[in-house]
Amino acid sequence: MDAYKPANAPLREREKEATWPTTELAEGNELRVPLMEEEVVVQKATKETGAVRIHKNVVEEERQVTVPLRREEVIVERTPINRSATAMPADAHPFEDQRFAIPVHEEEFELIKRPVVKEEVCVRRVSHEEQRAATATVRHEELEVEDTSRRATKLPGEYSTDKKIV
């Protein structure tokens, strides 16, 4: 077969004409040809995609409160009485200067501020899992068996033909 095969002819057609190395195989021995296949393995890595910033601000505002305050007064009333001075108590000192001090009170207020927890904010981070599809091209090897002797070769589990692709 001296037929010219162009360079763009399929590889298998050009290989048919190539010289194949001979492999001696003694009777009872086997030739094992491994067929390889690529698998897709997914590797995951965690990366930071941003951040959530939380800032607590102090805001001032005027607050007015109403406070009830008690104060005392001294009321001096004159009452006309017409009776004899002999009915006076024994510790009374008529016609002497006397002084009386009656304390008068009133409540004052002082504003005292104290911190009180009115609300609490809980911040936590949670994870969600989602399914994403990814595509990759993988390769695998196929075995082509060609019987050039034109004899019937039977492989286990297959019918005999001149060419077999396993």
N, C-alpha and C. Protein backbone atom coordinates (compact mmCIF):
# COMPACT_ATOMS: atom_id res chain seq x y z
N MET A 1 0.83 -1.18 0.00
CA MET A 1 0.00 0.00 0.00
C MET A 1 0.87 1.23 0.00
N ASP A 2 1.08 1.75 -1.13
CA ASP A 2 1.89 2.94 -1.25
C ASP A 2 1.03 4.18 -1.44
N ALA A 3 -0.21 4.10 -1.05
CA ALA A 3 -1.11 5.24 -1.25
C ALA A 3 -0.68 6.38 -0.34
N TYR A 4 -0.71 7.56 -0.91
CA TYR A 4 -0.32 8.76 -0.17
C TYR A 4 -1.48 9.19 0.71
N LYS A 5 -1.17 9.46 2.00
CA LYS A 5 -2.19 9.94 2.94
C LYS A 5 -1.86 11.40 3.23
N PRO A 6 -2.77 12.30 2.93
CA PRO A 6 -2.50 13.72 3.21
C PRO A 6 -2.37 13.95 4.72
N ALA A 7 -1.68 15.05 5.07
CA ALA A 7 -1.42 15.36 6.48
C ALA A 7 -2.70 15.64 7.24
N ASN A 8 -3.75 16.07 6.52
CA ASN A 8 -4.98 16.36 7.24
C ASN A 8 -5.91 15.16 7.30
N ALA A 9 -5.44 13.97 6.87
CA ALA A 9 -6.23 12.75 7.00
C ALA A 9 -6.34 12.39 8.46
N PRO A 10 -7.43 11.74 8.85
CA PRO A 10 -7.57 11.36 10.27
C PRO A 10 -6.38 10.56 10.75
N LEU A 11 -6.03 10.77 12.00
CA LEU A 11 -4.85 10.15 12.60
C LEU A 11 -4.93 8.63 12.51
N ARG A 12 -6.08 8.06 12.74
CA ARG A 12 -6.19 6.61 12.73
C ARG A 12 -5.91 6.04 11.33
N GLU A 13 -6.31 6.77 10.31
CA GLU A 13 -6.03 6.28 8.95
C GLU A 13 -4.54 6.33 8.67
N ARG A 14 -3.85 7.38 9.14
CA ARG A 14 -2.40 7.48 8.92
C ARG A 14 -1.67 6.43 9.74
N GLU A 15 -2.19 6.09 10.94
CA GLU A 15 -1.54 5.10 11.79
C GLU A 15 -1.63 3.70 11.20
N LYS A 16 -2.65 3.45 10.40
CA LYS A 16 -2.80 2.11 9.79
C LYS A 16 -1.60 1.77 8.93
N GLU A 17 -1.07 2.77 8.30
CA GLU A 17 0.05 2.55 7.39
C GLU A 17 1.40 2.56 8.12
N ALA A 18 1.42 3.02 9.37
CA ALA A 18 2.67 3.12 10.11
C ALA A 18 3.15 1.73 10.51
N THR A 19 4.43 1.66 10.79
CA THR A 19 5.01 0.40 11.24
C THR A 19 4.79 0.28 12.73
N TRP A 20 4.26 -0.84 13.15
CA TRP A 20 3.95 -1.06 14.57
C TRP A 20 5.04 -1.89 15.18
N PRO A 21 5.49 -1.57 16.38
CA PRO A 21 6.49 -2.41 17.03
C PRO A 21 5.86 -3.75 17.42
N THR A 22 6.66 -4.77 17.36
CA THR A 22 6.18 -6.10 17.69
C THR A 22 6.44 -6.38 19.16
N THR A 23 5.43 -6.89 19.84
CA THR A 23 5.56 -7.24 21.25
C THR A 23 5.42 -8.75 21.34
N GLU A 24 6.50 -9.40 21.82
CA GLU A 24 6.47 -10.85 21.98
C GLU A 24 5.63 -11.19 23.19
N LEU A 25 4.73 -12.11 23.00
CA LEU A 25 3.87 -12.52 24.09
C LEU A 25 3.88 -14.04 24.12
N ALA A 26 4.51 -14.61 25.13
CA ALA A 26 4.59 -16.06 25.24
C ALA A 26 3.22 -16.60 25.61
N GLU A 27 2.97 -17.82 25.21
CA GLU A 27 1.69 -18.46 25.48
C GLU A 27 1.50 -18.58 26.99
N GLY A 28 0.31 -18.22 27.43
CA GLY A 28 0.01 -18.26 28.86
C GLY A 28 0.29 -16.94 29.56
N ASN A 29 1.05 -16.04 28.93
CA ASN A 29 1.31 -14.72 29.51
C ASN A 29 0.25 -13.73 29.02
N GLU A 30 0.19 -12.64 29.67
CA GLU A 30 -0.80 -11.62 29.32
C GLU A 30 -0.11 -10.30 29.06
N LEU A 31 -0.70 -9.51 28.22
CA LEU A 31 -0.28 -8.13 28.00
C LEU A 31 -1.39 -7.27 28.59
N ARG A 32 -1.05 -6.50 29.55
CA ARG A 32 -2.06 -5.63 30.18
C ARG A 32 -1.83 -4.20 29.71
N VAL A 33 -2.85 -3.62 29.13
CA VAL A 33 -2.79 -2.25 28.64
C VAL A 33 -3.74 -1.41 29.50
N PRO A 34 -3.22 -0.54 30.32
CA PRO A 34 -4.10 0.28 31.15
C PRO A 34 -4.79 1.36 30.31
N LEU A 35 -6.07 1.54 30.55
CA LEU A 35 -6.83 2.60 29.89
C LEU A 35 -7.09 3.68 30.94
N MET A 36 -6.68 4.87 30.64
CA MET A 36 -6.76 5.97 31.60
C MET A 36 -7.99 6.82 31.32
N GLU A 37 -8.40 7.51 32.39
CA GLU A 37 -9.53 8.42 32.29
C GLU A 37 -9.30 9.55 33.26
N GLU A 38 -9.66 10.75 32.86
CA GLU A 38 -9.55 11.88 33.76
C GLU A 38 -10.84 12.01 34.57
N GLU A 39 -10.68 12.32 35.82
CA GLU A 39 -11.82 12.59 36.68
C GLU A 39 -11.83 14.07 37.03
N VAL A 40 -12.99 14.60 37.27
CA VAL A 40 -13.11 15.98 37.70
C VAL A 40 -13.11 15.98 39.23
N VAL A 41 -12.18 16.69 39.80
CA VAL A 41 -12.07 16.81 41.25
C VAL A 41 -12.29 18.28 41.59
N VAL A 42 -13.17 18.53 42.50
CA VAL A 42 -13.50 19.91 42.89
C VAL A 42 -12.69 20.28 44.12
N GLN A 43 -11.99 21.38 44.04
CA GLN A 43 -11.28 21.93 45.18
C GLN A 43 -11.93 23.25 45.53
N LYS A 44 -12.20 23.44 46.80
CA LYS A 44 -12.84 24.68 47.24
C LYS A 44 -11.88 25.46 48.11
N ALA A 45 -11.96 26.76 48.00
CA ALA A 45 -11.16 27.65 48.84
C ALA A 45 -12.06 28.78 49.31
N THR A 46 -11.82 29.26 50.49
CA THR A 46 -12.59 30.36 51.04
C THR A 46 -11.84 31.66 50.82
N LYS A 47 -12.56 32.67 50.34
CA LYS A 47 -11.94 33.97 50.16
C LYS A 47 -12.86 35.02 50.74
N GLU A 48 -12.29 36.11 51.17
CA GLU A 48 -13.09 37.20 51.74
C GLU A 48 -13.69 38.00 50.61
N THR A 49 -15.00 38.19 50.66
CA THR A 49 -15.69 38.92 49.61
C THR A 49 -16.15 40.29 50.06
N GLY A 50 -15.90 40.63 51.27
CA GLY A 50 -16.31 41.93 51.80
C GLY A 50 -16.48 41.83 53.29
N ALA A 51 -17.15 42.82 53.86
CA ALA A 51 -17.35 42.83 55.30
C ALA A 51 -18.61 43.63 55.60
N VAL A 52 -19.19 43.35 56.73
CA VAL A 52 -20.31 44.13 57.24
C VAL A 52 -19.77 44.91 58.42
N ARG A 53 -19.89 46.22 58.34
CA ARG A 53 -19.37 47.07 59.40
C ARG A 53 -20.53 47.53 60.28
N ILE A 54 -20.33 47.45 61.56
CA ILE A 54 -21.35 47.86 62.52
C ILE A 54 -20.74 48.95 63.38
N HIS A 55 -21.40 50.09 63.43
CA HIS A 55 -20.87 51.22 64.20
C HIS A 55 -21.98 51.71 65.12
N LYS A 56 -21.66 51.87 66.38
CA LYS A 56 -22.61 52.36 67.37
C LYS A 56 -22.33 53.84 67.58
N ASN A 57 -23.33 54.68 67.35
CA ASN A 57 -23.19 56.13 67.48
C ASN A 57 -23.83 56.60 68.78
N VAL A 58 -23.28 57.68 69.32
CA VAL A 58 -23.86 58.33 70.49
C VAL A 58 -24.60 59.57 69.98
N VAL A 59 -25.90 59.64 70.26
CA VAL A 59 -26.72 60.74 69.83
C VAL A 59 -27.24 61.46 71.07
N GLU A 60 -27.10 62.77 71.11
CA GLU A 60 -27.58 63.54 72.26
C GLU A 60 -28.90 64.17 71.91
N GLU A 61 -29.80 64.19 72.90
CA GLU A 61 -31.10 64.84 72.72
C GLU A 61 -31.53 65.42 74.05
N GLU A 62 -32.30 66.50 74.00
CA GLU A 62 -32.83 67.11 75.21
C GLU A 62 -34.05 66.33 75.65
N ARG A 63 -34.13 66.02 76.93
CA ARG A 63 -35.28 65.31 77.47
C ARG A 63 -35.81 66.12 78.63
N GLN A 64 -37.10 66.40 78.61
CA GLN A 64 -37.72 67.18 79.67
C GLN A 64 -38.52 66.24 80.56
N VAL A 65 -38.32 66.39 81.86
CA VAL A 65 -39.06 65.58 82.83
C VAL A 65 -39.80 66.52 83.78
N THR A 66 -40.94 66.09 84.23
CA THR A 66 -41.72 66.86 85.21
C THR A 66 -41.56 66.18 86.56
N VAL A 67 -41.15 66.98 87.55
CA VAL A 67 -40.86 66.44 88.88
C VAL A 67 -41.77 67.14 89.89
N PRO A 68 -42.57 66.40 90.63
CA PRO A 68 -43.38 67.04 91.69
C PRO A 68 -42.48 67.33 92.91
N LEU A 69 -42.42 68.57 93.31
CA LEU A 69 -41.59 68.98 94.46
C LEU A 69 -42.50 69.55 95.56
N ARG A 70 -42.19 69.20 96.79
CA ARG A 70 -42.98 69.66 97.94
C ARG A 70 -42.21 70.79 98.62
N ARG A 71 -42.96 71.80 98.99
CA ARG A 71 -42.36 72.90 99.77
C ARG A 71 -43.34 73.30 100.87
N GLU A 72 -42.79 73.77 101.92
CA GLU A 72 -43.60 74.15 103.07
C GLU A 72 -43.72 75.67 103.16
N GLU A 73 -44.82 76.11 103.74
CA GLU A 73 -45.03 77.52 104.02
C GLU A 73 -45.48 77.64 105.49
N VAL A 74 -45.28 78.74 106.05
CA VAL A 74 -45.79 79.01 107.40
C VAL A 74 -46.88 80.08 107.22
N ILE A 75 -48.00 79.73 107.71
CA ILE A 75 -49.13 80.65 107.61
C ILE A 75 -49.38 81.23 109.00
N VAL A 76 -49.40 82.51 109.05
CA VAL A 76 -49.64 83.21 110.32
C VAL A 76 -51.03 83.82 110.22
N GLU A 77 -51.90 83.41 111.14
CA GLU A 77 -53.27 83.91 111.16
C GLU A 77 -53.54 84.56 112.52
N ARG A 78 -54.23 85.58 112.46
CA ARG A 78 -54.66 86.24 113.71
C ARG A 78 -56.10 85.85 113.97
N THR A 79 -56.33 85.46 115.19
CA THR A 79 -57.68 85.09 115.60
C THR A 79 -58.07 85.94 116.81
N PRO A 80 -59.12 86.68 116.71
CA PRO A 80 -59.53 87.47 117.89
C PRO A 80 -60.05 86.57 119.02
N ILE A 81 -59.49 86.72 120.18
CA ILE A 81 -59.90 85.93 121.34
C ILE A 81 -60.13 86.95 122.47
N ASN A 82 -61.14 86.73 123.13
CA ASN A 82 -61.45 87.64 124.23
C ASN A 82 -61.56 86.82 125.50
N ARG A 83 -60.43 86.60 126.18
CA ARG A 83 -60.45 85.85 127.43
C ARG A 83 -59.45 86.44 128.41
N SER A 84 -59.46 85.97 129.60
CA SER A 84 -58.65 86.52 130.67
C SER A 84 -57.24 85.95 130.58
N ALA A 85 -56.25 86.72 130.97
CA ALA A 85 -54.86 86.30 130.93
C ALA A 85 -54.55 85.32 132.03
N THR A 86 -55.40 85.12 132.95
CA THR A 86 -55.16 84.16 134.01
C THR A 86 -55.27 82.74 133.51
N ALA A 87 -55.87 82.57 132.38
CA ALA A 87 -56.02 81.22 131.82
C ALA A 87 -54.81 80.83 130.99
N MET A 88 -53.75 81.59 131.09
CA MET A 88 -52.54 81.32 130.29
C MET A 88 -51.75 80.17 130.93
N PRO A 89 -50.98 79.42 130.11
CA PRO A 89 -50.16 78.35 130.67
C PRO A 89 -49.08 78.91 131.60
N ALA A 90 -48.56 78.06 132.49
CA ALA A 90 -47.61 78.50 133.50
C ALA A 90 -46.28 78.89 132.89
N ASP A 91 -45.88 78.29 131.76
CA ASP A 91 -44.58 78.61 131.17
C ASP A 91 -44.65 79.82 130.25
N ALA A 92 -45.75 80.47 130.20
CA ALA A 92 -45.89 81.65 129.36
C ALA A 92 -45.24 82.84 130.05
N HIS A 93 -44.61 83.67 129.29
CA HIS A 93 -43.91 84.84 129.83
C HIS A 93 -44.53 86.09 129.19
N PRO A 94 -45.52 86.60 129.81
CA PRO A 94 -46.16 87.78 129.23
C PRO A 94 -45.25 89.01 129.33
N PHE A 95 -45.34 89.79 128.37
CA PHE A 95 -44.64 91.06 128.25
C PHE A 95 -43.12 90.90 128.19
N GLU A 96 -42.64 89.81 127.67
CA GLU A 96 -41.21 89.62 127.45
C GLU A 96 -41.02 89.40 125.94
N ASP A 97 -39.87 89.82 125.45
CA ASP A 97 -39.57 89.58 124.03
C ASP A 97 -39.32 88.07 123.84
N GLN A 98 -39.95 87.55 122.83
CA GLN A 98 -39.77 86.12 122.54
C GLN A 98 -39.49 85.96 121.04
N ARG A 99 -38.74 84.97 120.80
CA ARG A 99 -38.42 84.66 119.40
C ARG A 99 -38.71 83.19 119.16
N PHE A 100 -39.26 82.94 117.98
CA PHE A 100 -39.57 81.56 117.58
C PHE A 100 -38.98 81.32 116.19
N ALA A 101 -38.33 80.22 116.02
CA ALA A 101 -37.81 79.84 114.69
C ALA A 101 -38.54 78.58 114.26
N ILE A 102 -39.24 78.68 113.21
CA ILE A 102 -39.96 77.53 112.67
C ILE A 102 -39.29 77.18 111.34
N PRO A 103 -38.64 76.03 111.28
CA PRO A 103 -37.97 75.66 110.03
C PRO A 103 -38.99 75.41 108.91
N VAL A 104 -38.62 75.87 107.74
CA VAL A 104 -39.45 75.67 106.55
C VAL A 104 -38.61 74.87 105.55
N HIS A 105 -39.21 73.84 104.97
CA HIS A 105 -38.47 72.94 104.05
C HIS A 105 -39.08 72.98 102.65
N GLU A 106 -38.24 72.69 101.73
CA GLU A 106 -38.71 72.44 100.37
C GLU A 106 -37.79 71.42 99.70
N GLU A 107 -38.33 70.70 98.77
CA GLU A 107 -37.54 69.68 98.05
C GLU A 107 -36.83 70.33 96.88
N GLU A 108 -35.63 69.90 96.70
CA GLU A 108 -34.85 70.31 95.52
C GLU A 108 -34.61 69.07 94.69
N PHE A 109 -34.27 69.26 93.45
CA PHE A 109 -33.97 68.09 92.63
C PHE A 109 -32.57 68.21 92.03
N GLU A 110 -32.05 67.08 91.77
CA GLU A 110 -30.76 66.98 91.10
C GLU A 110 -30.93 65.93 89.99
N LEU A 111 -30.54 66.26 88.81
CA LEU A 111 -30.64 65.30 87.71
C LEU A 111 -29.43 64.40 87.72
N ILE A 112 -29.69 63.13 87.84
CA ILE A 112 -28.63 62.12 87.83
C ILE A 112 -28.91 61.21 86.64
N LYS A 113 -27.91 61.00 85.83
CA LYS A 113 -28.07 60.12 84.68
C LYS A 113 -27.37 58.80 84.97
N ARG A 114 -28.04 57.72 84.64
CA ARG A 114 -27.44 56.40 84.81
C ARG A 114 -27.73 55.58 83.56
N PRO A 115 -26.78 54.77 83.16
CA PRO A 115 -27.01 53.96 81.94
C PRO A 115 -27.97 52.80 82.22
N VAL A 116 -28.85 52.56 81.28
CA VAL A 116 -29.83 51.49 81.36
C VAL A 116 -29.85 50.79 80.00
N VAL A 117 -29.80 49.48 79.99
CA VAL A 117 -29.87 48.73 78.73
C VAL A 117 -31.33 48.70 78.29
N LYS A 118 -31.63 49.33 77.17
CA LYS A 118 -32.99 49.39 76.64
C LYS A 118 -33.22 48.37 75.54
N GLU A 119 -32.16 47.97 74.87
CA GLU A 119 -32.29 47.05 73.74
C GLU A 119 -30.95 46.38 73.54
N GLU A 120 -30.99 45.21 72.92
CA GLU A 120 -29.76 44.48 72.62
C GLU A 120 -29.83 44.04 71.17
N VAL A 121 -28.73 44.16 70.48
CA VAL A 121 -28.64 43.74 69.09
C VAL A 121 -27.73 42.53 69.03
N CYS A 122 -28.20 41.48 68.41
CA CYS A 122 -27.41 40.25 68.28
C CYS A 122 -26.88 40.18 66.85
N VAL A 123 -25.59 40.04 66.70
CA VAL A 123 -24.95 39.95 65.38
C VAL A 123 -24.32 38.58 65.28
N ARG A 124 -24.65 37.86 64.21
CA ARG A 124 -24.05 36.55 64.00
C ARG A 124 -23.86 36.33 62.51
N ARG A 125 -23.00 35.39 62.20
CA ARG A 125 -22.71 35.06 60.81
C ARG A 125 -23.24 33.65 60.56
N VAL A 126 -23.95 33.48 59.46
CA VAL A 126 -24.49 32.17 59.10
C VAL A 126 -24.04 31.83 57.69
N SER A 127 -23.96 30.55 57.41
CA SER A 127 -23.58 30.07 56.08
C SER A 127 -24.78 29.48 55.39
N HIS A 128 -24.85 29.67 54.09
CA HIS A 128 -25.87 29.06 53.27
C HIS A 128 -25.16 28.29 52.16
N GLU A 129 -25.67 27.15 51.84
CA GLU A 129 -25.06 26.35 50.78
C GLU A 129 -25.96 26.39 49.56
N GLU A 130 -25.36 26.56 48.41
CA GLU A 130 -26.10 26.57 47.17
C GLU A 130 -25.40 25.66 46.17
N GLN A 131 -26.14 25.17 45.24
CA GLN A 131 -25.59 24.27 44.23
C GLN A 131 -25.25 25.09 42.98
N ARG A 132 -24.05 24.93 42.48
CA ARG A 132 -23.63 25.60 41.24
C ARG A 132 -23.10 24.55 40.29
N ALA A 133 -23.43 24.71 39.05
CA ALA A 133 -22.97 23.76 38.03
C ALA A 133 -21.65 24.25 37.44
N ALA A 134 -20.74 23.35 37.22
CA ALA A 134 -19.46 23.67 36.58
C ALA A 134 -19.20 22.61 35.51
N THR A 135 -18.57 23.02 34.45
CA THR A 135 -18.31 22.10 33.34
C THR A 135 -16.81 22.05 33.07
N ALA A 136 -16.31 20.84 32.82
CA ALA A 136 -14.90 20.66 32.47
C ALA A 136 -14.82 19.58 31.39
N THR A 137 -13.90 19.73 30.48
CA THR A 137 -13.67 18.73 29.45
C THR A 137 -12.66 17.73 29.99
N VAL A 138 -13.03 16.46 29.97
CA VAL A 138 -12.15 15.40 30.46
C VAL A 138 -11.82 14.46 29.31
N ARG A 139 -10.73 13.77 29.46
CA ARG A 139 -10.29 12.83 28.43
C ARG A 139 -10.34 11.41 28.98
N HIS A 140 -10.50 10.47 28.07
CA HIS A 140 -10.37 9.06 28.44
C HIS A 140 -9.80 8.30 27.24
N GLU A 141 -9.24 7.16 27.53
CA GLU A 141 -8.62 6.36 26.48
C GLU A 141 -9.56 5.21 26.11
N GLU A 142 -9.61 4.95 24.84
CA GLU A 142 -10.36 3.80 24.35
C GLU A 142 -9.39 2.85 23.67
N LEU A 143 -9.71 1.60 23.69
CA LEU A 143 -8.85 0.59 23.09
C LEU A 143 -9.47 0.14 21.78
N GLU A 144 -8.69 0.16 20.73
CA GLU A 144 -9.14 -0.32 19.42
C GLU A 144 -8.36 -1.58 19.10
N VAL A 145 -9.10 -2.63 18.82
CA VAL A 145 -8.46 -3.91 18.49
C VAL A 145 -8.71 -4.17 17.01
N GLU A 146 -7.63 -4.40 16.25
CA GLU A 146 -7.75 -4.68 14.82
C GLU A 146 -7.05 -6.01 14.54
N ASP A 147 -7.79 -6.92 13.98
CA ASP A 147 -7.24 -8.24 13.66
C ASP A 147 -6.82 -8.19 12.20
N THR A 148 -5.50 -8.08 11.94
CA THR A 148 -5.01 -8.00 10.57
C THR A 148 -4.86 -9.36 9.93
N SER A 149 -5.02 -10.40 10.72
CA SER A 149 -4.88 -11.74 10.16
C SER A 149 -6.20 -12.21 9.56
N ARG A 150 -7.24 -11.47 9.74
CA ARG A 150 -8.57 -11.79 9.24
C ARG A 150 -9.09 -13.09 9.82
N ARG A 151 -8.58 -13.47 10.96
CA ARG A 151 -9.09 -14.64 11.64
C ARG A 151 -10.12 -14.18 12.67
N ALA A 152 -11.00 -15.03 12.97
CA ALA A 152 -12.02 -14.68 13.95
C ALA A 152 -11.40 -14.67 15.34
N THR A 153 -11.48 -13.54 16.00
CA THR A 153 -10.97 -13.41 17.35
C THR A 153 -12.17 -13.11 18.23
N LYS A 154 -12.32 -13.86 19.26
CA LYS A 154 -13.47 -13.66 20.12
C LYS A 154 -12.98 -13.17 21.48
N LEU A 155 -13.49 -12.01 21.87
CA LEU A 155 -13.18 -11.47 23.19
C LEU A 155 -14.30 -11.87 24.12
N PRO A 156 -14.01 -12.10 25.39
CA PRO A 156 -15.07 -12.48 26.34
C PRO A 156 -16.15 -11.40 26.38
N GLY A 157 -17.38 -11.83 26.22
CA GLY A 157 -18.50 -10.91 26.31
C GLY A 157 -18.77 -10.14 25.04
N GLU A 158 -18.04 -10.37 23.95
CA GLU A 158 -18.27 -9.63 22.72
C GLU A 158 -18.30 -10.60 21.54
N TYR A 159 -18.88 -10.13 20.47
CA TYR A 159 -18.89 -10.90 19.22
C TYR A 159 -17.62 -10.59 18.47
N SER A 160 -17.19 -11.52 17.66
CA SER A 160 -15.93 -11.28 16.94
C SER A 160 -16.24 -10.45 15.68
N THR A 161 -15.38 -9.46 15.47
CA THR A 161 -15.44 -8.63 14.26
C THR A 161 -14.03 -8.33 13.88
N ASP A 162 -13.85 -7.70 12.75
CA ASP A 162 -12.51 -7.34 12.34
C ASP A 162 -11.95 -6.20 13.19
N LYS A 163 -12.83 -5.29 13.66
CA LYS A 163 -12.38 -4.17 14.50
C LYS A 163 -13.28 -4.11 15.71
N LYS A 164 -12.66 -3.85 16.81
CA LYS A 164 -13.42 -3.68 18.04
C LYS A 164 -12.91 -2.45 18.76
N ILE A 165 -13.83 -1.66 19.22
CA ILE A 165 -13.46 -0.52 20.07
C ILE A 165 -14.04 -0.82 21.43
N VAL A 166 -13.17 -0.87 22.40
CA VAL A 166 -13.59 -1.22 23.75
C VAL A 166 -13.53 0.02 24.62
